[in-house]
N, C-alpha and C. Protein backbone atom coordinates (compact mmCIF):
# COMPACT_ATOMS: atom_id res chain seq x y z
N MET A 1 114.32 113.61 81.75
CA MET A 1 114.45 112.45 80.53
C MET A 1 113.29 112.76 79.63
N SER A 2 113.17 112.50 78.44
CA SER A 2 112.17 112.67 77.11
C SER A 2 112.12 110.96 77.76
N ASP A 3 110.42 110.86 77.08
CA ASP A 3 109.78 109.18 76.84
C ASP A 3 110.63 108.78 75.98
N VAL A 4 110.82 107.60 76.09
CA VAL A 4 111.92 106.50 75.05
C VAL A 4 110.69 106.06 74.19
N LYS A 5 111.16 106.14 72.83
CA LYS A 5 109.80 105.65 72.27
C LYS A 5 110.86 104.78 70.66
N HIS A 6 109.93 104.06 70.12
CA HIS A 6 110.71 103.03 69.07
C HIS A 6 109.59 102.77 67.97
N GLU A 7 109.52 103.14 67.17
CA GLU A 7 108.25 103.05 66.09
C GLU A 7 107.23 103.99 66.68
N GLY A 8 107.27 105.06 67.16
CA GLY A 8 106.06 105.79 67.35
C GLY A 8 105.61 105.35 68.55
N ARG A 9 105.93 104.10 69.09
CA ARG A 9 105.38 103.70 70.24
C ARG A 9 106.21 103.94 71.84
N ASP A 10 105.77 104.21 72.61
CA ASP A 10 106.43 104.22 74.16
C ASP A 10 107.01 102.87 74.19
N LEU A 11 108.35 102.76 75.10
CA LEU A 11 108.88 101.56 75.50
C LEU A 11 108.73 100.97 76.77
N TRP A 12 108.43 100.30 77.50
CA TRP A 12 108.39 99.69 79.00
C TRP A 12 108.92 98.76 79.15
N LEU A 13 109.28 98.60 80.58
CA LEU A 13 110.00 97.40 81.55
C LEU A 13 109.50 96.86 82.04
N GLU A 14 109.65 95.36 82.08
CA GLU A 14 108.18 94.30 83.02
C GLU A 14 109.17 94.07 83.74
N PHE A 15 108.40 93.75 84.86
CA PHE A 15 109.10 92.96 86.08
C PHE A 15 108.17 92.38 86.68
N GLY A 16 108.27 91.28 87.39
CA GLY A 16 107.62 90.68 88.49
C GLY A 16 107.64 90.93 89.82
N LEU A 17 106.67 90.24 90.37
CA LEU A 17 106.65 90.68 91.89
C LEU A 17 105.66 89.32 92.12
N LYS A 18 106.11 88.43 92.95
CA LYS A 18 105.29 87.22 93.39
C LYS A 18 104.72 86.50 92.30
N GLY A 19 105.07 86.29 91.04
CA GLY A 19 104.33 85.58 90.02
C GLY A 19 103.32 87.08 89.23
N GLN A 20 103.21 87.56 89.55
CA GLN A 20 102.64 89.24 88.88
C GLN A 20 103.29 89.89 88.11
N ARG A 21 102.69 89.81 87.03
CA ARG A 21 103.28 91.01 85.51
C ARG A 21 103.11 92.34 86.29
N TYR A 22 104.46 93.40 85.92
CA TYR A 22 104.34 94.72 85.91
C TYR A 22 104.94 95.32 84.66
N ALA A 23 104.61 96.45 84.56
CA ALA A 23 105.66 97.34 83.38
C ALA A 23 105.51 98.85 84.06
N VAL A 24 107.12 99.58 83.60
CA VAL A 24 106.79 100.99 83.88
C VAL A 24 107.52 101.69 82.26
N SER A 25 107.18 102.73 82.49
CA SER A 25 107.83 103.34 81.53
C SER A 25 109.16 103.49 81.16
N LEU A 26 109.89 103.43 80.19
CA LEU A 26 111.32 102.87 80.52
C LEU A 26 111.40 104.50 80.73
N GLY A 27 111.29 105.47 80.10
CA GLY A 27 111.40 106.84 80.00
C GLY A 27 111.27 107.33 81.58
N THR A 28 111.01 106.52 82.67
CA THR A 28 111.12 107.13 83.88
C THR A 28 112.33 105.96 84.80
N VAL A 29 112.85 105.23 84.17
CA VAL A 29 114.02 103.92 84.53
C VAL A 29 115.06 104.84 84.17
N ARG A 30 115.76 105.14 85.84
CA ARG A 30 117.26 105.49 85.40
C ARG A 30 118.15 104.51 85.01
N GLU A 31 117.87 103.25 86.20
CA GLU A 31 118.66 102.24 86.04
C GLU A 31 118.17 101.29 86.61
N VAL A 32 119.06 99.95 86.54
CA VAL A 32 118.44 99.03 87.63
C VAL A 32 119.60 98.54 87.96
N ILE A 33 119.93 97.75 89.09
CA ILE A 33 121.33 97.70 90.03
C ILE A 33 120.37 96.26 90.84
N ARG A 34 121.60 95.51 91.44
CA ARG A 34 121.45 94.63 92.38
C ARG A 34 120.99 95.56 93.80
N PRO A 35 120.36 94.79 94.74
CA PRO A 35 119.87 95.51 95.55
C PRO A 35 121.05 95.36 96.67
N GLY A 36 122.31 95.18 96.99
CA GLY A 36 123.18 95.20 97.44
C GLY A 36 122.64 95.59 99.11
N ASP A 37 123.83 96.26 99.84
CA ASP A 37 123.30 96.79 101.22
C ASP A 37 122.26 97.99 101.34
N ILE A 38 121.27 97.86 102.07
CA ILE A 38 120.05 98.69 102.34
C ILE A 38 120.09 98.69 103.19
N THR A 39 120.26 100.06 103.83
CA THR A 39 120.39 100.49 105.22
C THR A 39 118.63 100.90 106.09
N PRO A 40 118.29 99.74 106.70
CA PRO A 40 116.94 100.54 107.54
C PRO A 40 116.73 101.75 107.73
N VAL A 41 115.44 102.28 107.99
CA VAL A 41 115.24 103.74 108.40
C VAL A 41 114.68 103.50 109.70
N PRO A 42 114.54 103.58 110.64
CA PRO A 42 114.38 103.59 111.74
C PRO A 42 112.44 104.63 111.60
N GLY A 43 111.50 104.04 111.69
CA GLY A 43 110.05 104.84 111.76
C GLY A 43 109.58 105.06 110.29
N SER A 44 110.02 104.19 109.36
CA SER A 44 109.91 104.45 108.31
C SER A 44 108.56 104.01 108.14
N PRO A 45 107.36 104.20 106.85
CA PRO A 45 106.30 103.45 106.46
C PRO A 45 106.75 101.61 106.14
N SER A 46 106.12 100.87 106.28
CA SER A 46 106.45 99.31 105.97
C SER A 46 106.79 99.09 104.56
N ASP A 47 106.67 99.98 104.00
CA ASP A 47 106.90 99.65 102.52
C ASP A 47 108.16 99.87 102.27
N VAL A 48 109.09 101.01 102.88
CA VAL A 48 109.77 101.64 102.88
C VAL A 48 110.85 100.59 103.23
N LEU A 49 111.98 99.49 102.64
CA LEU A 49 112.96 98.68 103.23
C LEU A 49 114.33 99.68 104.02
N GLY A 50 114.58 100.65 102.92
CA GLY A 50 115.49 101.92 103.91
C GLY A 50 116.36 102.77 102.42
N ILE A 51 117.57 102.67 102.85
CA ILE A 51 118.06 103.95 101.83
C ILE A 51 119.72 102.89 101.19
N VAL A 52 120.00 103.55 100.20
CA VAL A 52 121.43 102.93 99.44
C VAL A 52 122.08 104.78 99.30
N ASN A 53 123.20 104.06 99.02
CA ASN A 53 124.03 105.45 98.66
C ASN A 53 124.18 104.65 97.11
N LEU A 54 124.19 105.50 96.45
CA LEU A 54 123.91 105.32 94.66
C LEU A 54 125.17 106.42 94.22
N ARG A 55 126.43 106.06 94.14
CA ARG A 55 127.49 106.86 93.85
C ARG A 55 127.07 108.59 94.75
N GLY A 56 126.99 108.04 96.08
CA GLY A 56 127.02 109.45 96.63
C GLY A 56 125.94 110.18 96.64
N GLN A 57 124.53 109.41 95.81
CA GLN A 57 123.22 110.04 96.16
C GLN A 57 122.74 109.09 96.87
N ILE A 58 122.00 109.21 98.36
CA ILE A 58 121.09 108.58 99.01
C ILE A 58 119.90 108.60 97.95
N VAL A 59 119.37 107.22 98.18
CA VAL A 59 118.05 106.83 97.37
C VAL A 59 117.25 106.01 97.99
N PRO A 60 115.72 106.49 98.32
CA PRO A 60 115.08 105.11 99.26
C PRO A 60 114.74 104.19 98.48
N VAL A 61 114.49 103.18 98.99
CA VAL A 61 114.27 101.94 98.47
C VAL A 61 113.05 100.94 99.23
N LEU A 62 112.09 100.87 98.02
CA LEU A 62 110.72 100.57 98.28
C LEU A 62 110.60 99.20 98.45
N ASP A 63 109.97 98.35 99.47
CA ASP A 63 109.87 96.71 99.27
C ASP A 63 108.62 96.81 97.84
N GLY A 64 108.91 96.56 97.03
CA GLY A 64 107.64 96.14 95.45
C GLY A 64 106.58 95.46 96.05
N ARG A 65 106.90 94.12 96.91
CA ARG A 65 105.44 93.52 97.14
C ARG A 65 104.75 94.09 98.16
N ARG A 66 105.59 94.80 98.94
CA ARG A 66 104.59 95.40 100.43
C ARG A 66 104.13 96.80 99.15
N ARG A 67 104.63 97.44 98.82
CA ARG A 67 103.88 98.60 97.74
C ARG A 67 103.08 98.39 97.23
N PHE A 68 103.09 97.03 96.73
CA PHE A 68 101.59 96.88 95.64
C PHE A 68 100.56 95.98 96.53
N GLY A 69 100.88 95.94 97.64
CA GLY A 69 100.09 94.74 98.67
C GLY A 69 100.03 93.34 98.80
N LEU A 70 100.76 93.20 97.86
CA LEU A 70 101.21 91.53 97.93
C LEU A 70 102.14 91.27 99.64
N ASP A 71 101.90 89.93 99.72
CA ASP A 71 102.47 89.25 101.02
C ASP A 71 103.07 87.99 100.60
N GLY A 72 103.87 87.60 101.64
CA GLY A 72 104.83 86.84 100.96
C GLY A 72 106.43 86.83 101.23
N VAL A 73 107.33 86.33 101.59
CA VAL A 73 108.71 86.43 101.95
C VAL A 73 109.09 85.88 100.52
N VAL A 74 110.61 86.38 100.26
CA VAL A 74 110.98 85.92 99.08
C VAL A 74 112.01 85.22 99.32
N GLU A 75 111.99 83.84 98.91
CA GLU A 75 112.96 82.65 99.70
C GLU A 75 113.94 82.82 99.26
N ALA A 76 115.39 82.20 100.01
CA ALA A 76 116.31 82.28 99.72
C ALA A 76 116.73 82.47 98.23
N ASP A 77 116.66 80.88 97.88
CA ASP A 77 116.86 80.82 96.27
C ASP A 77 116.35 81.98 95.24
N GLU A 78 115.44 82.59 95.54
CA GLU A 78 114.72 83.71 94.67
C GLU A 78 115.46 85.13 94.70
N GLN A 79 116.23 85.09 96.05
CA GLN A 79 116.67 86.36 96.10
C GLN A 79 117.93 86.75 95.49
N ASP A 80 118.63 85.67 94.16
CA ASP A 80 119.53 86.37 93.27
C ASP A 80 119.23 86.81 92.19
N ALA A 81 117.84 86.46 91.96
CA ALA A 81 116.98 87.21 91.03
C ALA A 81 116.70 88.80 91.13
N GLN A 82 116.33 89.14 92.41
CA GLN A 82 116.34 90.39 92.57
C GLN A 82 116.75 91.37 92.08
N ARG A 83 116.64 92.47 91.90
CA ARG A 83 116.84 93.79 91.55
C ARG A 83 116.15 94.90 92.07
N VAL A 84 116.70 96.08 91.52
CA VAL A 84 116.17 97.24 92.23
C VAL A 84 116.32 98.30 91.19
N ILE A 85 114.82 98.70 90.92
CA ILE A 85 114.86 99.93 89.67
C ILE A 85 114.49 101.32 90.55
N VAL A 86 115.71 101.97 89.75
CA VAL A 86 115.62 102.96 90.21
C VAL A 86 115.24 104.03 89.53
N PHE A 87 114.17 104.84 89.53
CA PHE A 87 113.81 105.77 89.17
C PHE A 87 113.88 107.45 89.34
N ASP A 88 113.80 107.84 88.15
CA ASP A 88 113.75 109.53 88.37
C ASP A 88 111.83 109.90 88.02
N ALA A 89 111.70 110.35 88.92
CA ALA A 89 109.57 110.68 88.77
C ALA A 89 109.81 111.94 89.29
N GLU A 90 109.76 113.11 88.70
CA GLU A 90 109.29 114.72 89.05
C GLU A 90 110.36 114.55 90.18
N GLY A 91 111.38 114.99 89.61
CA GLY A 91 112.16 115.28 90.51
C GLY A 91 112.60 114.56 91.64
N THR A 92 112.17 113.44 91.93
CA THR A 92 112.58 112.41 92.91
C THR A 92 112.87 111.15 92.52
N THR A 93 114.60 111.00 93.30
CA THR A 93 114.84 109.56 92.47
C THR A 93 114.13 108.39 93.63
N VAL A 94 113.76 107.27 93.58
CA VAL A 94 113.23 106.26 94.36
C VAL A 94 114.07 104.72 93.65
N GLY A 95 113.99 104.20 94.69
CA GLY A 95 114.25 102.80 93.97
C GLY A 95 113.10 101.89 94.88
N LEU A 96 113.14 100.62 93.82
CA LEU A 96 111.92 99.58 93.66
C LEU A 96 112.31 98.41 93.69
N ARG A 97 112.18 97.59 94.73
CA ARG A 97 112.88 96.11 94.63
C ARG A 97 111.91 95.04 94.24
N ILE A 98 112.52 94.58 93.61
CA ILE A 98 111.50 93.54 92.87
C ILE A 98 111.90 92.42 92.64
N ASP A 99 111.12 91.40 92.49
CA ASP A 99 111.75 89.66 92.47
C ASP A 99 112.13 89.52 91.27
N THR A 100 111.71 89.92 89.83
CA THR A 100 112.53 89.59 88.31
C THR A 100 112.38 90.79 87.60
N ILE A 101 113.38 90.59 86.56
CA ILE A 101 113.29 91.78 85.84
C ILE A 101 112.97 91.06 84.58
N GLY A 102 112.01 91.86 83.77
CA GLY A 102 111.46 91.15 82.49
C GLY A 102 111.90 91.62 81.33
N GLU A 103 111.13 91.60 80.06
CA GLU A 103 111.60 92.15 78.87
C GLU A 103 110.96 93.56 78.85
N MET A 104 111.50 94.18 77.62
CA MET A 104 110.93 95.59 77.20
C MET A 104 109.83 95.22 76.11
N LEU A 105 108.91 95.60 76.67
CA LEU A 105 107.26 95.70 75.84
C LEU A 105 106.78 97.35 74.82
N GLN A 106 106.50 96.82 74.05
CA GLN A 106 106.12 97.72 72.96
C GLN A 106 104.35 97.11 72.89
N PHE A 107 103.44 98.40 73.19
CA PHE A 107 101.93 98.06 72.71
C PHE A 107 101.27 99.33 72.36
N ASP A 108 100.37 99.11 71.77
CA ASP A 108 99.45 100.13 71.21
C ASP A 108 98.33 100.93 72.72
N PRO A 109 98.51 102.07 72.48
CA PRO A 109 98.03 102.83 73.55
C PRO A 109 96.52 101.99 73.62
N ALA A 110 95.69 101.95 72.52
CA ALA A 110 94.25 101.35 72.30
C ALA A 110 93.96 99.92 73.14
N GLU A 111 95.16 99.27 73.52
CA GLU A 111 95.44 97.96 73.88
C GLU A 111 95.10 97.79 75.16
N VAL A 112 95.50 99.27 76.07
CA VAL A 112 95.03 99.54 77.62
C VAL A 112 93.98 99.58 77.63
N ALA A 113 93.87 98.77 78.83
CA ALA A 113 92.12 98.52 79.46
C ALA A 113 92.62 99.57 81.00
N PRO A 114 91.31 99.80 81.53
CA PRO A 114 91.36 100.31 82.91
C PRO A 114 91.69 99.21 84.14
N PRO A 115 92.47 99.66 85.22
CA PRO A 115 92.68 98.62 86.01
C PRO A 115 91.37 98.04 86.38
N PRO A 116 91.72 96.81 86.84
CA PRO A 116 90.72 96.23 87.31
C PRO A 116 89.60 97.00 88.84
N PRO A 117 88.14 96.13 88.81
CA PRO A 117 87.65 97.41 89.80
C PRO A 117 87.88 97.15 91.19
N GLY A 118 88.03 97.71 92.17
CA GLY A 118 88.30 97.83 92.91
C GLY A 118 89.81 98.68 93.30
N ARG A 119 90.32 98.59 92.58
CA ARG A 119 91.86 98.93 92.69
C ARG A 119 91.83 100.57 92.91
N ALA A 120 90.58 101.24 91.68
CA ALA A 120 90.78 102.75 91.85
C ALA A 120 90.27 103.11 92.65
N THR A 121 89.89 102.49 93.96
CA THR A 121 89.18 103.28 95.20
C THR A 121 90.83 103.71 96.00
N ARG A 122 91.69 102.82 95.94
CA ARG A 122 92.75 103.27 96.75
C ARG A 122 93.71 104.23 95.79
N ARG A 123 93.58 105.68 96.36
CA ARG A 123 93.74 106.57 95.97
C ARG A 123 95.83 106.86 95.52
N ASP A 124 96.41 106.00 96.39
CA ASP A 124 97.76 105.22 96.53
C ASP A 124 98.23 104.54 95.25
N ASP A 125 96.63 104.02 94.68
CA ASP A 125 97.24 102.67 93.94
C ASP A 125 98.32 102.85 92.46
N PRO A 126 99.36 102.47 92.60
CA PRO A 126 100.24 102.65 91.48
C PRO A 126 100.15 102.45 89.75
N VAL A 127 98.82 101.38 89.71
CA VAL A 127 98.22 100.45 88.66
C VAL A 127 97.82 101.40 87.98
N SER A 128 98.13 101.97 86.89
CA SER A 128 97.00 102.79 85.85
C SER A 128 95.96 101.97 84.79
N GLY A 129 96.58 100.72 84.86
CA GLY A 129 95.73 100.05 83.67
C GLY A 129 96.28 98.74 83.58
N VAL A 130 95.79 98.24 82.60
CA VAL A 130 96.20 96.61 82.11
C VAL A 130 96.11 96.49 80.57
N ILE A 131 97.02 96.01 79.80
CA ILE A 131 97.61 95.13 78.64
C ILE A 131 97.40 93.63 79.19
N THR A 132 96.66 92.84 77.90
CA THR A 132 96.85 91.34 77.65
C THR A 132 97.50 90.91 76.84
N ARG A 133 97.91 89.49 77.08
CA ARG A 133 98.96 88.88 76.51
C ARG A 133 98.36 87.59 76.53
N ASP A 134 98.92 86.55 75.31
CA ASP A 134 98.48 85.19 75.09
C ASP A 134 98.49 85.05 76.70
N ASP A 135 99.94 84.88 77.48
CA ASP A 135 100.38 84.25 78.40
C ASP A 135 99.68 85.09 79.68
N GLY A 136 98.68 86.18 80.04
CA GLY A 136 98.22 86.75 81.04
C GLY A 136 98.29 88.38 81.41
N PHE A 137 97.84 88.82 81.61
CA PHE A 137 98.12 90.73 82.31
C PHE A 137 99.16 90.87 82.71
N ILE A 138 99.41 92.11 82.39
CA ILE A 138 100.64 93.01 82.80
C ILE A 138 99.92 94.39 83.26
N ALA A 139 100.28 94.71 84.51
CA ALA A 139 99.38 95.92 84.92
C ALA A 139 100.58 97.01 84.58
N LEU A 140 100.30 97.80 84.17
CA LEU A 140 100.98 99.27 83.94
C LEU A 140 101.30 100.07 85.09
N VAL A 141 102.32 100.56 85.43
CA VAL A 141 102.53 101.29 86.86
C VAL A 141 103.06 102.65 86.38
N ASP A 142 102.24 103.66 87.08
CA ASP A 142 102.04 105.01 86.92
C ASP A 142 103.18 105.37 87.90
N VAL A 143 104.64 105.77 87.80
CA VAL A 143 105.57 106.05 88.38
C VAL A 143 105.68 107.19 89.28
N PRO A 144 105.08 108.26 89.03
CA PRO A 144 105.20 109.14 90.09
C PRO A 144 103.67 108.59 90.90
N ARG A 145 102.72 107.87 90.96
CA ARG A 145 102.26 107.31 92.21
C ARG A 145 102.89 106.37 93.08
N LEU A 146 103.81 105.75 92.21
CA LEU A 146 104.67 104.45 92.86
C LEU A 146 105.31 105.28 93.51
N CYS A 147 105.93 105.88 93.43
CA CYS A 147 107.05 106.95 94.01
C CYS A 147 106.81 108.05 95.08
N ARG A 148 105.50 107.99 95.54
CA ARG A 148 105.25 109.34 96.23
C ARG A 148 106.28 109.34 97.49
N ALA A 149 106.57 110.84 97.45
CA ALA A 149 107.07 111.13 98.72
C ALA A 149 107.34 110.86 100.04
């Protein structure tokens, strides 16, 4: 899939996990679905919730909170807002369960700052940079690192 652009800038999809804001390049997003029935897979890593059947394709689904190192259980009243973002990254299709879906974002690449110190020491850290907004920070996610096999 080619990069999605508008007026020469990449478009990004914002999402939330435990009150923190993240964004992924829209060019990596295949679709956004409701969580539905996720079948657990015994012996899978702790950040893998299980698999879903997406129109005949078996797609692994990651727990966004666990994948980003956030603790906490989603309360029953918050479950309605949850979604699964399905990514196509480097020939792999993977879902990520998130707490909330946000807005479409555009920003100048010059606005991107490096990730906070300490994050870069994790080889599998999916955060590639951050942008600042009046109401806080948004972490930019490297989808191929996020969807590691």
